[in-house]
Amino acid sequence: MRRASRSIPANLAEGWGVHTEANFKHFVSQALGSANEVQVHLDFAKDLGYLPEEQHTRLKRAYDSLGRRLYMLRQRIKF
C-alpha cells in the first residue's frame, strides 16, 4: 500500500518532466492505476481486520476523489 500510494505523485512528477502530452497522459494513467491499487489494498486491510471500518470509509472516499480527478486530468490531455 505504501509503494502504490507513493507511486501516484512520483508518476505525475515523472510524466510532467517528459514535456510531451502523450507521455504525460501515459504517466497520469499509471498514477490512476496506482490509486486503484491502493483502493484494493484498503479493502484487503479492512477485510483482514487491519483497518477499522470508519478509517476504511474515510480513506476510500479520499482515493475515490483522487481517482476521479486523475481520470478527468487524463481525459483533458490533448494529443
N, C-alpha and C. Protein backbone atom coordinates (compact mmCIF):
# COMPACT_ATOMS: atom_id res chain seq x y z
N MET A 1 0.83 -1.18 0.00
CA MET A 1 0.00 0.00 0.00
C MET A 1 0.88 1.25 0.00
N ARG A 2 1.95 1.22 0.77
CA ARG A 2 2.86 2.38 0.79
C ARG A 2 3.50 2.60 -0.57
N ARG A 3 3.93 1.52 -1.21
CA ARG A 3 4.57 1.64 -2.51
C ARG A 3 3.60 2.23 -3.53
N ALA A 4 2.39 1.71 -3.55
CA ALA A 4 1.39 2.19 -4.51
C ALA A 4 1.03 3.65 -4.25
N SER A 5 0.88 4.03 -2.99
CA SER A 5 0.49 5.41 -2.68
C SER A 5 1.60 6.40 -3.03
N ARG A 6 2.86 5.99 -2.84
CA ARG A 6 3.97 6.88 -3.21
C ARG A 6 4.17 6.94 -4.71
N SER A 7 3.71 5.94 -5.41
CA SER A 7 3.85 5.89 -6.86
C SER A 7 2.98 6.93 -7.55
N ILE A 8 1.89 7.33 -6.93
CA ILE A 8 0.97 8.28 -7.56
C ILE A 8 1.66 9.62 -7.84
N PRO A 9 2.16 10.34 -6.84
CA PRO A 9 2.81 11.62 -7.14
C PRO A 9 4.12 11.44 -7.92
N ALA A 10 4.79 10.31 -7.72
CA ALA A 10 6.04 10.07 -8.45
C ALA A 10 5.76 9.95 -9.95
N ASN A 11 4.70 9.26 -10.32
CA ASN A 11 4.34 9.15 -11.73
C ASN A 11 3.94 10.50 -12.32
N LEU A 12 3.22 11.30 -11.57
CA LEU A 12 2.84 12.62 -12.06
C LEU A 12 4.07 13.49 -12.27
N ALA A 13 5.00 13.44 -11.33
CA ALA A 13 6.22 14.23 -11.48
C ALA A 13 7.05 13.76 -12.66
N GLU A 14 7.18 12.46 -12.81
CA GLU A 14 7.95 11.92 -13.93
C GLU A 14 7.29 12.28 -15.26
N GLY A 15 5.98 12.16 -15.32
CA GLY A 15 5.26 12.50 -16.56
C GLY A 15 5.36 13.97 -16.91
N TRP A 16 5.31 14.83 -15.90
CA TRP A 16 5.41 16.27 -16.14
C TRP A 16 6.78 16.61 -16.71
N GLY A 17 7.79 15.86 -16.30
CA GLY A 17 9.15 16.15 -16.74
C GLY A 17 9.46 15.73 -18.16
N VAL A 18 8.61 14.93 -18.80
CA VAL A 18 8.92 14.46 -20.16
C VAL A 18 8.48 15.45 -21.24
N HIS A 19 7.64 16.39 -20.90
CA HIS A 19 7.28 17.52 -21.77
C HIS A 19 6.58 17.15 -23.07
N THR A 20 5.95 16.00 -23.15
CA THR A 20 5.07 15.72 -24.28
C THR A 20 3.72 15.29 -23.73
N GLU A 21 2.66 15.68 -24.39
CA GLU A 21 1.33 15.37 -23.89
C GLU A 21 1.06 13.87 -23.86
N ALA A 22 1.53 13.15 -24.88
CA ALA A 22 1.30 11.70 -24.93
C ALA A 22 1.99 11.00 -23.76
N ASN A 23 3.22 11.39 -23.48
CA ASN A 23 3.93 10.77 -22.36
C ASN A 23 3.30 11.15 -21.02
N PHE A 24 2.90 12.41 -20.88
CA PHE A 24 2.26 12.82 -19.64
C PHE A 24 0.97 12.04 -19.43
N LYS A 25 0.19 11.86 -20.50
CA LYS A 25 -1.05 11.08 -20.40
C LYS A 25 -0.75 9.66 -19.94
N HIS A 26 0.32 9.08 -20.45
CA HIS A 26 0.72 7.73 -20.03
C HIS A 26 1.01 7.69 -18.53
N PHE A 27 1.75 8.66 -18.03
CA PHE A 27 2.10 8.67 -16.62
C PHE A 27 0.90 8.99 -15.73
N VAL A 28 -0.04 9.79 -16.21
CA VAL A 28 -1.27 10.03 -15.46
C VAL A 28 -2.06 8.72 -15.37
N SER A 29 -2.07 7.96 -16.45
CA SER A 29 -2.73 6.64 -16.41
C SER A 29 -2.05 5.72 -15.41
N GLN A 30 -0.73 5.77 -15.35
CA GLN A 30 0.00 4.96 -14.36
C GLN A 30 -0.38 5.39 -12.94
N ALA A 31 -0.49 6.69 -12.71
CA ALA A 31 -0.88 7.21 -11.40
C ALA A 31 -2.29 6.75 -11.04
N LEU A 32 -3.19 6.77 -12.01
CA LEU A 32 -4.56 6.31 -11.79
C LEU A 32 -4.56 4.82 -11.43
N GLY A 33 -3.75 4.05 -12.11
CA GLY A 33 -3.64 2.63 -11.78
C GLY A 33 -3.14 2.41 -10.36
N SER A 34 -2.19 3.22 -9.94
CA SER A 34 -1.68 3.11 -8.57
C SER A 34 -2.74 3.50 -7.55
N ALA A 35 -3.55 4.51 -7.86
CA ALA A 35 -4.64 4.90 -6.96
C ALA A 35 -5.65 3.77 -6.84
N ASN A 36 -5.94 3.10 -7.94
CA ASN A 36 -6.85 1.95 -7.90
C ASN A 36 -6.24 0.81 -7.09
N GLU A 37 -4.93 0.62 -7.21
CA GLU A 37 -4.25 -0.42 -6.44
C GLU A 37 -4.35 -0.14 -4.94
N VAL A 38 -4.21 1.11 -4.54
CA VAL A 38 -4.34 1.46 -3.13
C VAL A 38 -5.74 1.10 -2.63
N GLN A 39 -6.76 1.35 -3.45
CA GLN A 39 -8.12 1.02 -3.04
C GLN A 39 -8.29 -0.48 -2.79
N VAL A 40 -7.67 -1.28 -3.62
CA VAL A 40 -7.74 -2.74 -3.41
C VAL A 40 -7.05 -3.11 -2.10
N HIS A 41 -5.89 -2.50 -1.85
CA HIS A 41 -5.18 -2.78 -0.59
C HIS A 41 -5.98 -2.31 0.62
N LEU A 42 -6.69 -1.19 0.49
CA LEU A 42 -7.54 -0.73 1.59
C LEU A 42 -8.64 -1.75 1.89
N ASP A 43 -9.24 -2.31 0.83
CA ASP A 43 -10.27 -3.33 1.03
C ASP A 43 -9.69 -4.58 1.70
N PHE A 44 -8.51 -5.00 1.26
CA PHE A 44 -7.86 -6.15 1.91
C PHE A 44 -7.60 -5.86 3.38
N ALA A 45 -7.08 -4.67 3.68
CA ALA A 45 -6.75 -4.31 5.06
C ALA A 45 -8.00 -4.33 5.94
N LYS A 46 -9.11 -3.83 5.40
CA LYS A 46 -10.37 -3.85 6.17
C LYS A 46 -10.86 -5.28 6.36
N ASP A 47 -10.86 -6.05 5.28
CA ASP A 47 -11.37 -7.42 5.34
C ASP A 47 -10.55 -8.30 6.29
N LEU A 48 -9.27 -8.02 6.38
CA LEU A 48 -8.39 -8.81 7.25
C LEU A 48 -8.34 -8.28 8.68
N GLY A 49 -9.06 -7.19 8.94
CA GLY A 49 -9.14 -6.65 10.30
C GLY A 49 -8.00 -5.72 10.68
N TYR A 50 -7.22 -5.27 9.70
CA TYR A 50 -6.11 -4.35 9.99
C TYR A 50 -6.55 -2.90 10.00
N LEU A 51 -7.71 -2.62 9.43
CA LEU A 51 -8.18 -1.25 9.29
C LEU A 51 -9.62 -1.17 9.76
N PRO A 52 -9.91 -0.29 10.73
CA PRO A 52 -11.28 -0.14 11.20
C PRO A 52 -12.19 0.38 10.08
N GLU A 53 -13.46 0.04 10.16
CA GLU A 53 -14.45 0.42 9.15
C GLU A 53 -14.47 1.92 8.90
N GLU A 54 -14.44 2.72 9.96
CA GLU A 54 -14.52 4.18 9.81
C GLU A 54 -13.32 4.72 9.05
N GLN A 55 -12.15 4.23 9.38
CA GLN A 55 -10.94 4.69 8.69
C GLN A 55 -10.95 4.22 7.23
N HIS A 56 -11.41 3.00 7.00
CA HIS A 56 -11.51 2.49 5.64
C HIS A 56 -12.44 3.38 4.81
N THR A 57 -13.59 3.73 5.36
CA THR A 57 -14.55 4.56 4.64
C THR A 57 -13.95 5.91 4.30
N ARG A 58 -13.26 6.53 5.26
CA ARG A 58 -12.65 7.85 5.04
C ARG A 58 -11.57 7.78 3.96
N LEU A 59 -10.70 6.78 4.05
CA LEU A 59 -9.62 6.65 3.07
C LEU A 59 -10.15 6.27 1.69
N LYS A 60 -11.15 5.41 1.66
CA LYS A 60 -11.74 5.00 0.39
C LYS A 60 -12.36 6.20 -0.32
N ARG A 61 -13.04 7.06 0.41
CA ARG A 61 -13.61 8.27 -0.19
C ARG A 61 -12.53 9.19 -0.74
N ALA A 62 -11.44 9.32 0.01
CA ALA A 62 -10.34 10.17 -0.45
C ALA A 62 -9.74 9.63 -1.74
N TYR A 63 -9.54 8.32 -1.81
CA TYR A 63 -8.96 7.73 -3.03
C TYR A 63 -9.96 7.69 -4.18
N ASP A 64 -11.26 7.60 -3.88
CA ASP A 64 -12.28 7.73 -4.94
C ASP A 64 -12.19 9.12 -5.56
N SER A 65 -12.08 10.14 -4.71
CA SER A 65 -11.98 11.52 -5.19
C SER A 65 -10.71 11.71 -6.01
N LEU A 66 -9.61 11.20 -5.51
CA LEU A 66 -8.34 11.30 -6.24
C LEU A 66 -8.45 10.60 -7.59
N GLY A 67 -9.04 9.43 -7.61
CA GLY A 67 -9.21 8.69 -8.86
C GLY A 67 -10.03 9.47 -9.88
N ARG A 68 -11.10 10.10 -9.42
CA ARG A 68 -11.93 10.90 -10.33
C ARG A 68 -11.14 12.07 -10.90
N ARG A 69 -10.35 12.72 -10.05
CA ARG A 69 -9.56 13.87 -10.52
C ARG A 69 -8.48 13.43 -11.51
N LEU A 70 -7.84 12.30 -11.25
CA LEU A 70 -6.84 11.80 -12.18
C LEU A 70 -7.48 11.40 -13.51
N TYR A 71 -8.65 10.78 -13.45
CA TYR A 71 -9.37 10.39 -14.66
C TYR A 71 -9.71 11.62 -15.49
N MET A 72 -10.22 12.67 -14.83
CA MET A 72 -10.58 13.89 -15.56
C MET A 72 -9.33 14.55 -16.13
N LEU A 73 -8.23 14.55 -15.42
CA LEU A 73 -6.98 15.10 -15.93
C LEU A 73 -6.57 14.35 -17.19
N ARG A 74 -6.62 13.04 -17.14
CA ARG A 74 -6.24 12.21 -18.28
C ARG A 74 -7.14 12.51 -19.49
N GLN A 75 -8.44 12.71 -19.25
CA GLN A 75 -9.37 12.99 -20.33
C GLN A 75 -9.11 14.35 -20.98
N ARG A 76 -8.60 15.29 -20.20
CA ARG A 76 -8.40 16.66 -20.71
C ARG A 76 -7.06 16.85 -21.43
N ILE A 77 -6.18 15.89 -21.34
CA ILE A 77 -4.90 15.99 -22.03
C ILE A 77 -5.14 15.73 -23.51
N LYS A 78 -4.73 16.65 -24.32
CA LYS A 78 -4.94 16.52 -25.77
C LYS A 78 -3.67 15.99 -26.42
N PHE A 79 -3.87 15.23 -27.49
CA PHE A 79 -2.72 14.75 -28.26
C PHE A 79 -2.35 15.75 -29.32
